[in-house]
Protein backbone atom coordinates (compact mmCIF):
# COMPACT_ATOMS: atom_id res chain seq x y z
CA MET A 1 225.35 135.57 103.45
CA GLY A 2 222.41 135.79 101.19
CA ALA A 3 222.14 132.02 100.80
CA ILE A 4 222.22 131.42 104.52
CA GLU A 5 219.45 133.95 105.05
CA ILE A 6 217.39 132.29 102.42
CA ILE A 7 217.87 128.90 104.03
CA ILE A 8 217.03 130.31 107.43
CA ALA A 9 213.88 131.92 106.01
CA MET A 10 212.79 128.68 104.36
CA LEU A 11 213.36 126.78 107.59
CA SER A 12 211.33 129.37 109.42
CA LEU A 13 208.52 128.96 106.91
CA VAL A 14 208.62 125.19 107.24
CA ALA A 15 208.59 125.41 111.01
CA GLY A 16 205.67 127.86 110.94
CA ALA A 17 203.72 125.63 108.59
CA ALA A 18 204.34 122.67 110.84
CA VAL A 19 203.18 124.62 113.85
CA MET A 20 200.04 125.76 111.98
CA TRP A 21 199.23 122.20 110.89
CA VAL A 22 199.56 120.94 114.42
CA VAL A 23 197.31 123.70 115.74
CA ASN A 24 194.67 123.14 113.01
CA ASN A 25 194.72 119.40 113.55
CA ASN A 26 194.02 119.86 117.25
CA ASN A 27 191.13 122.21 116.48
CA LEU A 28 189.62 119.70 114.04
CA LYS A 29 189.84 116.95 116.60
CA THR A 30 188.16 119.17 119.18
CA LYS A 31 185.35 120.03 116.77
CA SER A 32 184.85 116.39 115.78
CA VAL A 33 184.59 115.37 119.39
CA GLN A 34 182.08 118.14 120.00
CA ILE A 35 179.99 117.15 116.95
CA ILE A 36 180.00 113.52 118.00
CA LYS A 37 178.99 114.53 121.48
CA ASP A 38 176.13 116.69 120.18
CA ALA A 39 174.96 113.90 117.88
CA GLU A 40 174.95 111.43 120.74
CA GLU A 41 172.91 113.85 122.90
CA LYS A 42 170.37 114.39 120.11
CA ALA A 43 170.16 110.66 119.49
CA GLU A 44 169.51 110.11 123.17
CA ILE A 45 166.76 112.75 123.16
CA LEU A 46 165.16 111.21 120.03
CA LYS A 47 165.38 107.79 121.61
CA LYS A 48 163.58 109.01 124.74
CA ASP A 49 160.88 110.75 122.62
CA LYS A 50 160.28 107.64 120.53
CA LEU A 51 160.13 105.52 123.67
CA LEU A 52 157.54 107.89 125.18
CA GLU A 53 155.51 107.93 121.95
CA ALA A 54 155.65 104.12 121.74
CA LYS A 55 154.51 103.84 125.36
CA GLU A 56 151.60 106.24 124.73
CA LYS A 57 150.56 104.29 121.60
CA PHE A 58 150.81 101.05 123.53
CA PHE A 59 148.64 102.39 126.37
CA GLN A 60 146.09 103.76 123.85
CA LEU A 61 145.86 100.44 122.01
CA LYS A 62 145.66 98.62 125.33
CA SER A 63 142.79 100.93 126.45
CA GLU A 64 140.88 100.38 123.18
CA HIS A 65 141.42 96.65 123.42
CA ASP A 66 140.21 96.62 127.04
CA LYS A 67 137.14 98.68 126.05
CA GLU A 68 136.32 96.32 123.16
CA VAL A 69 136.78 93.30 125.44
CA ASN A 70 134.49 94.90 128.05
CA ASN A 71 131.84 95.64 125.40
CA ARG A 72 131.99 92.07 124.13
CA ASN A 73 131.74 90.75 127.67
CA ALA A 74 128.76 93.04 128.34
CA ASN A 75 127.04 91.90 125.12
CA LEU A 76 127.72 88.26 125.96
CA LEU A 77 126.34 88.82 129.45
CA LYS A 78 123.27 90.58 128.04
CA GLU A 79 122.70 87.79 125.51
CA GLU A 80 123.17 85.19 128.23
CA ASN A 81 120.57 86.94 130.40
CA ARG A 82 118.17 87.15 127.45
CA ILE A 83 118.59 83.44 126.73
CA LYS A 84 117.99 82.66 130.40
CA GLN A 85 114.81 84.78 130.34
CA ILE A 86 113.63 82.99 127.19
CA GLU A 87 114.34 79.63 128.77
CA GLN A 88 112.49 80.69 131.91
CA SER A 89 109.54 81.98 129.84
CA LEU A 90 109.42 78.77 127.82
CA LYS A 91 109.55 76.77 130.99
CA GLN A 92 106.67 78.79 132.47
CA LYS A 93 104.64 78.41 129.26
CA GLN A 94 105.30 74.67 129.25
CA GLU A 95 104.18 74.42 132.86
CA ALA A 96 101.08 76.53 132.10
CA ALA A 97 100.29 74.33 129.09
CA GLN A 98 100.59 71.22 131.22
CA ARG A 99 98.27 72.78 133.82
CA LYS A 100 95.78 73.72 131.09
CA ASP A 101 95.89 70.18 129.68
CA SER A 102 95.11 68.76 133.10
CA GLU A 103 92.35 71.33 133.61
CA LEU A 104 90.89 70.54 130.17
CA ASP A 105 90.92 66.83 130.97
CA SER A 106 89.05 67.44 134.21
CA ILE A 107 86.58 69.79 132.46
CA LYS A 108 86.04 67.20 129.73
CA GLN A 109 85.30 64.51 132.27
CA SER A 110 82.94 66.85 134.10
CA LEU A 111 81.14 67.75 130.85
CA GLU A 112 80.75 64.10 129.94
CA LYS A 113 79.20 63.43 133.33
CA GLN A 114 76.88 66.46 132.96
CA GLN A 115 75.93 65.42 129.43
CA ALA A 116 75.02 61.94 130.65
CA ALA A 117 72.96 63.47 133.47
CA VAL A 118 71.22 65.86 131.02
CA GLN A 119 70.42 63.02 128.65
CA LEU A 120 68.93 61.04 131.51
CA LYS A 121 66.83 64.02 132.63
CA LYS A 122 65.71 64.63 129.03
CA GLU A 123 64.47 61.06 128.72
CA GLU A 124 62.63 61.39 132.01
CA ALA A 125 61.09 64.73 130.87
CA ASP A 126 59.97 63.19 127.53
CA LYS A 127 58.28 60.35 129.39
CA ALA A 128 56.55 62.77 131.75
CA LEU A 129 55.46 64.98 128.81
CA ASN A 130 53.98 62.02 126.97
CA ASN A 131 52.09 60.98 130.07
CA GLN A 132 50.73 64.50 130.52
CA VAL A 133 49.65 64.70 126.85
CA LYS A 134 47.80 61.40 127.17
CA GLN A 135 46.09 62.56 130.37
CA LEU A 136 45.08 65.89 128.73
CA GLU A 137 43.69 64.06 125.68
CA LYS A 138 41.56 61.88 127.99
CA ILE A 139 40.32 64.90 129.98
CA ALA A 140 39.61 67.17 126.93
CA GLY A 141 38.34 64.46 124.64
CA LEU A 142 40.64 65.86 121.83
CA THR A 143 43.79 64.57 120.21
CA ALA A 144 46.91 66.70 120.09
CA ASP A 145 46.43 67.48 116.35
CA GLU A 146 42.84 68.61 116.90
CA ALA A 147 43.90 70.86 119.81
CA LYS A 148 46.70 72.32 117.69
CA LYS A 149 44.26 73.09 114.86
CA GLN A 150 41.87 74.91 117.21
CA LEU A 151 44.80 76.88 118.66
CA VAL A 152 46.01 77.91 115.18
CA GLU A 153 42.51 79.11 114.22
CA ALA A 154 42.26 81.15 117.41
CA LEU A 155 45.70 82.71 116.83
CA HIS A 156 44.83 83.43 113.20
CA GLU A 157 41.71 85.33 114.21
CA GLU A 158 43.63 87.21 116.89
CA ALA A 159 46.37 88.13 114.38
CA ARG A 160 43.78 89.37 111.90
CA THR A 161 42.21 91.60 114.54
CA GLU A 162 45.62 92.94 115.57
CA ALA A 163 46.55 93.55 111.91
CA LEU A 164 43.38 95.57 111.35
CA SER A 165 44.24 97.61 114.42
CA LYS A 166 47.77 98.18 113.09
CA ILE A 167 46.43 99.27 109.71
CA LYS A 168 44.20 101.83 111.41
CA ASP A 169 47.14 103.14 113.43
CA ILE A 170 49.30 103.33 110.29
CA THR A 171 46.55 105.21 108.44
CA ASP A 172 46.25 107.71 111.28
CA GLU A 173 50.03 108.15 111.31
CA ALA A 174 50.04 108.64 107.53
CA LYS A 175 47.49 111.45 107.89
CA LEU A 176 49.72 113.12 110.45
CA THR A 177 52.77 112.77 108.19
CA ALA A 178 50.97 113.69 104.96
CA SER A 179 53.22 116.68 104.44
CA LYS A 180 56.32 114.54 104.63
CA GLU A 181 54.89 111.99 102.20
CA ALA A 182 53.88 114.79 99.84
CA LYS A 183 57.46 116.02 99.76
CA LYS A 184 58.65 112.52 98.90
CA ILE A 185 56.13 112.35 96.06
CA ILE A 186 57.30 115.72 94.75
CA LEU A 187 60.94 114.62 94.88
CA SER A 188 60.08 111.40 93.06
CA THR A 189 58.24 113.42 90.41
CA ILE A 190 61.19 115.75 89.96
CA GLN A 191 63.46 112.77 89.58
CA ARG A 192 61.26 111.25 86.89
CA THR A 193 61.02 114.48 84.95
CA ALA A 194 64.84 114.69 84.91
CA ALA A 195 65.12 111.45 82.93
CA GLU A 196 66.52 113.13 79.81
CA HIS A 197 69.29 114.78 81.78
CA ALA A 198 70.15 111.50 83.55
CA ILE A 199 70.34 109.71 80.20
CA GLU A 200 72.55 112.44 78.78
CA ASN A 201 75.02 112.39 81.69
CA ALA A 202 75.02 108.69 82.68
CA VAL A 203 74.50 106.82 79.39
CA SER A 204 76.64 106.18 76.32
CA VAL A 205 75.51 104.44 73.14
CA PHE A 206 77.80 101.94 71.41
CA ASN A 207 76.86 101.43 67.77
CA ILE A 208 77.32 98.01 66.14
CA GLU A 209 77.18 96.97 62.51
CA SER A 210 74.42 94.36 62.92
CA ASP A 211 72.22 92.89 65.62
CA GLU A 212 73.97 89.52 65.17
CA LEU A 213 76.82 90.83 67.32
CA LYS A 214 74.47 91.20 70.30
CA GLY A 215 74.34 87.44 70.78
CA ARG A 216 78.14 87.17 70.75
CA ILE A 217 78.44 90.06 73.20
CA ILE A 218 75.93 88.44 75.56
CA GLY A 219 77.68 85.07 75.29
CA ARG A 220 76.54 81.61 76.31
CA GLU A 221 74.14 81.96 79.25
CA GLY A 222 75.18 85.62 79.54
CA ARG A 223 78.76 84.92 80.63
CA ASN A 224 80.36 87.55 78.34
CA ILE A 225 78.11 90.41 79.40
CA ARG A 226 78.52 89.44 83.07
CA ALA A 227 82.30 89.50 82.61
CA LEU A 228 82.08 92.93 80.96
CA GLU A 229 79.96 94.34 83.79
CA ALA A 230 82.20 92.83 86.48
CA ALA A 231 85.41 94.13 84.86
CA THR A 232 84.21 97.66 84.03
CA GLY A 233 81.51 98.42 86.62
CA VAL A 234 79.22 99.55 83.79
CA GLU A 235 75.77 98.16 83.07
CA PHE A 236 75.39 96.89 79.48
CA ILE A 237 71.79 97.18 78.27
CA VAL A 238 71.13 94.97 75.24
CA ASP A 239 67.53 95.56 74.19
CA ASP A 240 65.51 95.99 71.02
CA THR A 241 67.30 99.20 70.05
CA PRO A 242 68.53 98.50 66.51
CA GLU A 243 72.30 98.28 66.01
CA ALA A 244 73.08 99.80 69.42
CA ILE A 245 74.11 98.76 72.92
CA ILE A 246 73.55 101.16 75.81
CA LEU A 247 76.31 101.64 78.41
CA SER A 248 74.93 102.99 81.69
CA CYS A 249 77.14 104.26 84.54
CA PHE A 250 77.47 107.46 86.56
CA ASP A 251 81.27 107.50 86.18
CA PRO A 252 82.24 108.80 82.71
CA ILE A 253 85.74 107.29 82.94
CA ARG A 254 84.27 103.82 83.47
CA ARG A 255 81.90 104.39 80.54
CA GLU A 256 84.77 105.46 78.30
CA VAL A 257 86.80 102.38 79.33
CA ALA A 258 83.78 100.17 78.57
CA ARG A 259 83.18 101.85 75.19
CA LEU A 260 86.81 101.52 74.05
CA ALA A 261 87.02 97.94 75.32
CA MET A 262 83.84 97.04 73.41
CA HIS A 263 85.26 98.62 70.26
CA ARG A 264 88.47 96.56 70.57
CA LEU A 265 86.60 93.34 71.28
CA VAL A 266 84.22 93.80 68.35
CA THR A 267 87.08 94.73 66.01
CA ASP A 268 89.20 91.77 67.16
CA GLY A 269 86.30 89.30 67.08
CA ARG A 270 87.49 87.25 70.09
CA ILE A 271 84.88 87.80 72.78
CA HIS A 272 85.18 85.57 75.86
CA PRO A 273 85.69 86.26 79.61
CA ALA A 274 89.48 85.87 79.63
CA ARG A 275 89.90 88.12 76.57
CA ILE A 276 87.46 90.64 78.06
CA GLU A 277 89.51 90.97 81.27
CA GLU A 278 92.73 91.40 79.26
CA VAL A 279 91.26 94.06 76.95
CA VAL A 280 89.65 95.99 79.82
CA ALA A 281 92.97 96.05 81.70
CA LYS A 282 94.81 97.37 78.62
CA THR A 283 92.08 99.95 78.00
CA LYS A 284 92.27 101.22 81.59
CA LYS A 285 96.03 101.66 81.18
CA GLN A 286 95.48 103.53 77.90
CA ILE A 287 92.90 105.85 79.50
CA GLU A 288 95.32 106.62 82.37
CA GLU A 289 98.01 107.51 79.83
CA GLU A 290 95.55 109.73 77.93
CA ILE A 291 94.55 111.44 81.19
CA VAL A 292 98.21 112.33 81.88
CA GLU A 293 98.63 113.51 78.29
CA ILE A 294 95.52 115.74 78.53
CA GLY A 295 96.82 117.24 81.78
CA GLU A 296 100.24 117.94 80.28
CA ARG A 297 98.73 119.43 77.11
CA THR A 298 96.47 121.68 79.18
CA CYS A 299 99.42 122.94 81.24
CA ILE A 300 101.39 123.62 78.04
CA ASP A 301 98.45 125.49 76.47
CA LEU A 302 98.06 127.66 79.56
CA GLN A 303 101.85 128.04 79.97
CA ILE A 304 101.77 126.65 83.50
CA HIS A 305 105.09 125.08 84.51
CA GLY A 306 106.38 123.11 87.49
CA LEU A 307 103.04 121.48 88.37
CA HIS A 308 103.34 118.30 90.44
CA PRO A 309 102.78 115.13 88.31
CA GLU A 310 99.84 114.08 90.50
CA LEU A 311 98.18 117.47 89.99
CA VAL A 312 98.81 117.13 86.25
CA ARG A 313 97.02 113.76 86.34
CA MET A 314 94.09 115.31 88.23
CA VAL A 315 93.85 118.08 85.65
CA GLY A 316 93.58 115.36 82.98
CA ARG A 317 90.82 113.61 84.95
CA MET A 318 88.81 116.85 84.81
CA ARG A 319 88.18 116.03 81.16
CA TYR A 320 85.84 113.24 82.29
CA ARG A 321 84.11 115.17 85.09
CA SER A 322 81.30 117.71 85.00
CA SER A 323 80.38 120.60 87.27
CA TYR A 324 76.63 121.26 87.25
CA GLY A 325 76.50 119.80 83.74
CA GLN A 326 79.50 121.87 82.57
CA ASN A 327 82.69 120.04 81.58
CA LEU A 328 85.07 120.56 84.50
CA LEU A 329 88.25 120.89 82.43
CA GLN A 330 86.66 123.42 80.07
CA HIS A 331 85.30 125.35 83.05
CA SER A 332 88.74 125.40 84.75
CA ARG A 333 90.43 126.58 81.53
CA GLU A 334 87.88 129.39 81.21
CA VAL A 335 88.45 130.43 84.82
CA ALA A 336 92.24 130.35 84.33
CA ASN A 337 92.08 132.61 81.28
CA LEU A 338 89.63 135.00 82.95
CA CYS A 339 91.86 135.17 86.05
CA ALA A 340 94.93 135.90 83.92
CA THR A 341 93.16 138.80 82.20
CA MET A 342 91.82 140.24 85.44
CA ALA A 343 95.18 139.88 87.22
CA ALA A 344 96.94 141.66 84.35
CA GLU A 345 94.50 144.57 84.65
CA PHE A 346 95.22 144.81 88.39
CA GLY A 347 98.98 144.50 87.88
CA LEU A 348 99.19 141.21 89.80
CA ASN A 349 101.13 137.99 89.14
CA VAL A 350 99.45 136.60 86.01
CA LYS A 351 101.09 133.15 86.26
CA LEU A 352 99.89 132.63 89.84
CA ALA A 353 96.37 133.77 88.92
CA LYS A 354 96.23 131.40 85.96
CA ARG A 355 97.56 128.54 88.13
CA ALA A 356 94.95 129.17 90.83
CA GLY A 357 92.18 129.40 88.22
CA LEU A 358 93.11 126.02 86.72
CA LEU A 359 93.34 124.28 90.11
CA HIS A 360 90.38 125.93 91.89
CA ASP A 361 88.05 122.91 91.37
CA ILE A 362 90.73 120.20 91.73
CA GLY A 363 88.89 118.93 94.83
CA LYS A 364 86.05 117.63 92.64
CA VAL A 365 88.30 115.06 90.95
CA PRO A 366 89.29 112.66 93.81
CA ASP A 367 86.76 109.96 94.67
CA ASP A 368 88.13 108.92 98.08
CA ASP A 369 86.64 111.76 100.16
CA ALA A 370 82.92 112.36 99.71
CA GLU A 371 82.39 114.26 102.98
CA THR A 372 84.86 117.16 102.68
CA PRO A 373 83.69 120.15 100.55
CA HIS A 374 85.58 120.25 97.27
CA ALA A 375 87.15 123.65 98.01
CA LEU A 376 88.69 122.44 101.28
CA LEU A 377 89.77 119.15 99.69
CA GLY A 378 91.41 121.05 96.83
CA MET A 379 93.18 123.31 99.32
CA LYS A 380 94.56 120.22 101.14
CA LEU A 381 95.79 118.75 97.86
CA ALA A 382 97.49 122.02 96.89
CA GLU A 383 99.21 122.18 100.29
CA LYS A 384 100.26 118.54 99.95
CA TYR A 385 101.94 119.18 96.60
CA LYS A 386 103.72 122.37 97.74
CA GLU A 387 101.74 125.00 95.82
CA ASN A 388 102.17 128.72 96.53
CA TRP A 389 100.26 129.90 99.62
CA GLU A 390 98.27 132.42 97.53
CA VAL A 391 97.13 129.62 95.21
CA VAL A 392 96.22 127.46 98.24
CA ASN A 393 94.15 130.23 99.82
CA ALA A 394 92.42 131.07 96.54
CA ILE A 395 91.35 127.41 96.11
CA GLY A 396 90.04 127.09 99.66
CA ALA A 397 88.29 130.48 99.73
CA HIS A 398 86.51 130.53 96.35
CA HIS A 399 83.32 129.29 98.09
CA ASP A 400 84.00 131.16 101.37
CA GLU A 401 84.92 127.99 103.31
CA VAL A 402 88.05 129.74 104.62
CA GLU A 403 88.98 133.39 105.09
CA MET A 404 90.47 135.22 102.09
CA THR A 405 94.05 136.24 102.91
CA SER A 406 95.28 136.77 99.34
CA ILE A 407 94.15 139.31 96.76
CA LEU A 408 93.93 136.44 94.24
CA SER A 409 91.10 134.81 96.20
CA PRO A 410 88.29 137.27 95.28
CA ILE A 411 89.51 137.23 91.67
CA ILE A 412 89.18 133.40 91.53
CA GLN A 413 85.74 133.61 93.15
CA ALA A 414 84.54 136.22 90.65
CA CYS A 415 85.92 134.36 87.62
CA ASP A 416 84.35 131.09 88.81
CA ALA A 417 80.98 132.82 89.02
CA ILE A 418 81.45 134.40 85.56
CA SER A 419 82.24 131.03 83.93
CA GLY A 420 79.39 129.26 85.72
CA SER A 421 76.78 131.94 85.04
CA ARG A 422 77.39 131.99 81.30
CA PRO A 423 74.07 131.13 79.57
CA GLY A 424 73.90 127.41 78.81
CA ALA A 425 77.07 126.59 80.75
CA ARG A 426 75.43 124.65 83.59
CA ARG A 427 72.34 122.66 84.36
CA GLU A 428 71.35 121.06 87.67
CA ASP A 429 73.54 120.07 90.60
CA THR A 430 75.22 116.69 89.99
CA GLU A 431 77.71 116.90 92.83
CA ASN A 432 75.31 115.57 95.47
CA TYR A 433 74.20 112.85 93.05
CA MET A 434 77.82 111.73 92.61
CA LYS A 435 78.38 111.78 96.38
CA ARG A 436 75.31 109.60 96.98
CA LEU A 437 76.47 107.00 94.48
CA LYS A 438 79.98 107.04 95.91
CA ASN A 439 78.58 106.63 99.45
CA LEU A 440 76.67 103.55 98.28
CA GLU A 441 79.89 101.97 97.01
CA ASN A 442 81.82 102.95 100.15
CA ILE A 443 79.22 101.29 102.40
CA ALA A 444 79.56 98.06 100.43
CA LEU A 445 83.37 98.20 100.39
CA SER A 446 83.46 98.57 104.19
CA TYR A 447 82.35 94.93 104.62
CA PRO A 448 85.09 92.26 104.89
CA GLY A 449 85.38 89.99 101.88
CA VAL A 450 84.01 92.56 99.38
CA GLU A 451 86.22 92.80 96.29
CA LYS A 452 84.33 95.35 94.15
CA ALA A 453 81.16 97.43 94.42
CA PHE A 454 79.32 99.29 91.66
CA ALA A 455 76.34 101.64 91.94
CA ILE A 456 74.41 101.33 88.67
CA GLN A 457 71.05 102.36 87.18
CA ALA A 458 71.42 105.90 88.54
CA GLY A 459 71.85 104.58 92.07
CA ARG A 460 68.79 102.33 92.03
CA GLU A 461 70.92 99.17 92.20
CA LEU A 462 74.11 98.28 94.09
CA ARG A 463 76.07 95.30 92.80
CA VAL A 464 78.63 93.84 95.19
CA MET A 465 81.32 91.34 94.14
CA VAL A 466 82.58 89.22 97.07
CA GLU A 467 85.54 86.82 97.31
CA SER A 468 84.28 83.25 97.23
CA ASP A 469 86.99 81.95 99.56
CA LYS A 470 86.11 84.49 102.27
CA VAL A 471 82.30 84.75 102.02
CA THR A 472 79.93 81.77 101.94
CA ASP A 473 76.50 81.71 100.29
CA ASP A 474 74.74 82.12 103.63
CA GLN A 475 77.02 85.02 104.56
CA ALA A 476 76.28 86.66 101.20
CA ASP A 477 72.54 86.52 101.97
CA LEU A 478 73.08 88.06 105.39
CA MET A 479 75.40 90.69 103.87
CA SER A 480 72.74 91.87 101.41
CA ILE A 481 70.18 92.17 104.23
CA ASP A 482 72.60 94.04 106.48
CA MET A 483 73.61 96.41 103.66
CA SER A 484 69.98 97.25 102.89
CA GLN A 485 69.28 98.06 106.55
CA ARG A 486 72.43 100.15 106.87
CA ILE A 487 71.62 102.13 103.70
CA GLN A 488 68.12 102.83 105.05
CA LYS A 489 69.57 104.19 108.28
CA GLU A 490 72.53 106.20 106.95
CA MET A 491 71.35 107.58 103.59
CA THR A 492 68.53 109.62 102.10
CA TYR A 493 67.39 108.67 98.60
CA PRO A 494 64.25 108.61 96.45
CA GLY A 495 62.52 105.33 95.60
CA GLN A 496 64.24 102.09 96.50
CA ILE A 497 67.69 100.55 96.04
CA LYS A 498 68.26 96.93 95.01
CA ILE A 499 71.32 95.29 96.62
CA THR A 500 72.74 92.36 94.68
CA VAL A 501 75.60 90.37 96.24
CA ILE A 502 77.42 88.22 93.66
CA ARG A 503 79.63 85.32 94.73
CA GLU A 504 81.52 83.55 91.97
CA LYS A 505 84.24 80.90 92.23
CA ARG A 506 86.76 80.34 89.45
CA SER A 507 89.14 77.37 89.19
CA VAL A 508 91.98 78.11 86.74
CA ASN A 509 94.85 75.84 85.69
CA PHE A 510 97.17 75.45 82.75
CA ALA A 511 97.96 72.38 80.64
CA LYS A 512 101.63 72.47 79.66
């Protein structure tokens, strides 16, 4: 019985396992079908999404393409219209030109007819005039030459009488204006008595080893000295002064350029116009570099940082300028140090005070504005190069041209007065003298065809270099006359001013 039970149990187990397998297999099939169904639904959804996205992309690209095509069509239409307008304009111009040609032909024919008629009338008038002259000679019993002589004598006597009358009127007018003439005489006297000061401020002496060099410096027919004067704007005076040549010019930078150029030429030994122009150009470049170096060294000495390069260059140019006979750079350094001390005592910004003190007379350096007061011009320059507003106001207000809005302004004004009032610091006013000379040059440079203009001999002579291809000899004569009349009307000056217009043509080529 035990074996049968075991067999029955095993059969039961096998039957149960078979039933379980069948049930599990059906479940797996159901799940697989469901998974496949879900996957197909998701695939369908993805397919629809991709189709929608592709349609949107297609419509977007189609819209962009249509827009681009429309733009191109519009541009083509616009260009086509422009070409049609140009063609129409050209056609109108061509028609107008044809009409003008026909009008000119008719005018020419009319003028030829009028000229022939005028010539005929002129011949008839000459014949009538000759007949009248012959009749008058018969009636008067005088020839035409004798009548002309009597007429000239009568006019000469009448002119003499009128001249005497004019002289009397001029004398009476001179008596009425005696006070004015007396003032002119006084001014002329003052100018003559200031000769030593003019020599000191407008003349440099170049020493040479022997007087034999003077001939080489002058050159054949004076060509070397003319080239030196034309290149530097300085008058070279070669006289009987032993072993010396005098350089005369109101601009100290030009004089320094001329002096250094002369030193190089004499040392080198090659003195001719081409070499002179080359050396002068190199010397000008060297002076500009020295000016920048002086400005930078001054800023370093005064511990002023961040100054604009153009202001640094102007500070260097102060070395060659004077204020009432006082060196402008030295005066500005004194004012800067005084301002720093005074600002420290007041507990103010020492760096700003020193900066304003150095730049307070910067408006005296530029040469392109002779009308604006130097304080206002300096204020404009400081504003242009982004200086602090207190520095700008101190520069503009140190002569009361503008209102003082910064506490630094009265300090700059006081320190400027202290430096200028120091015994022996200043002499007479040279600012107006410099302005007058600069105005002379500006008047000359305002004429077309003028290349260079130099006021020399303390403003008693104006030399004007014109371009030979733009100004003829006759035009140069008229230009000198016109300049003299304009200077008489627009300027006030003692004595007289000589205007010399120089026209020179150079033909240069190279043999290779």
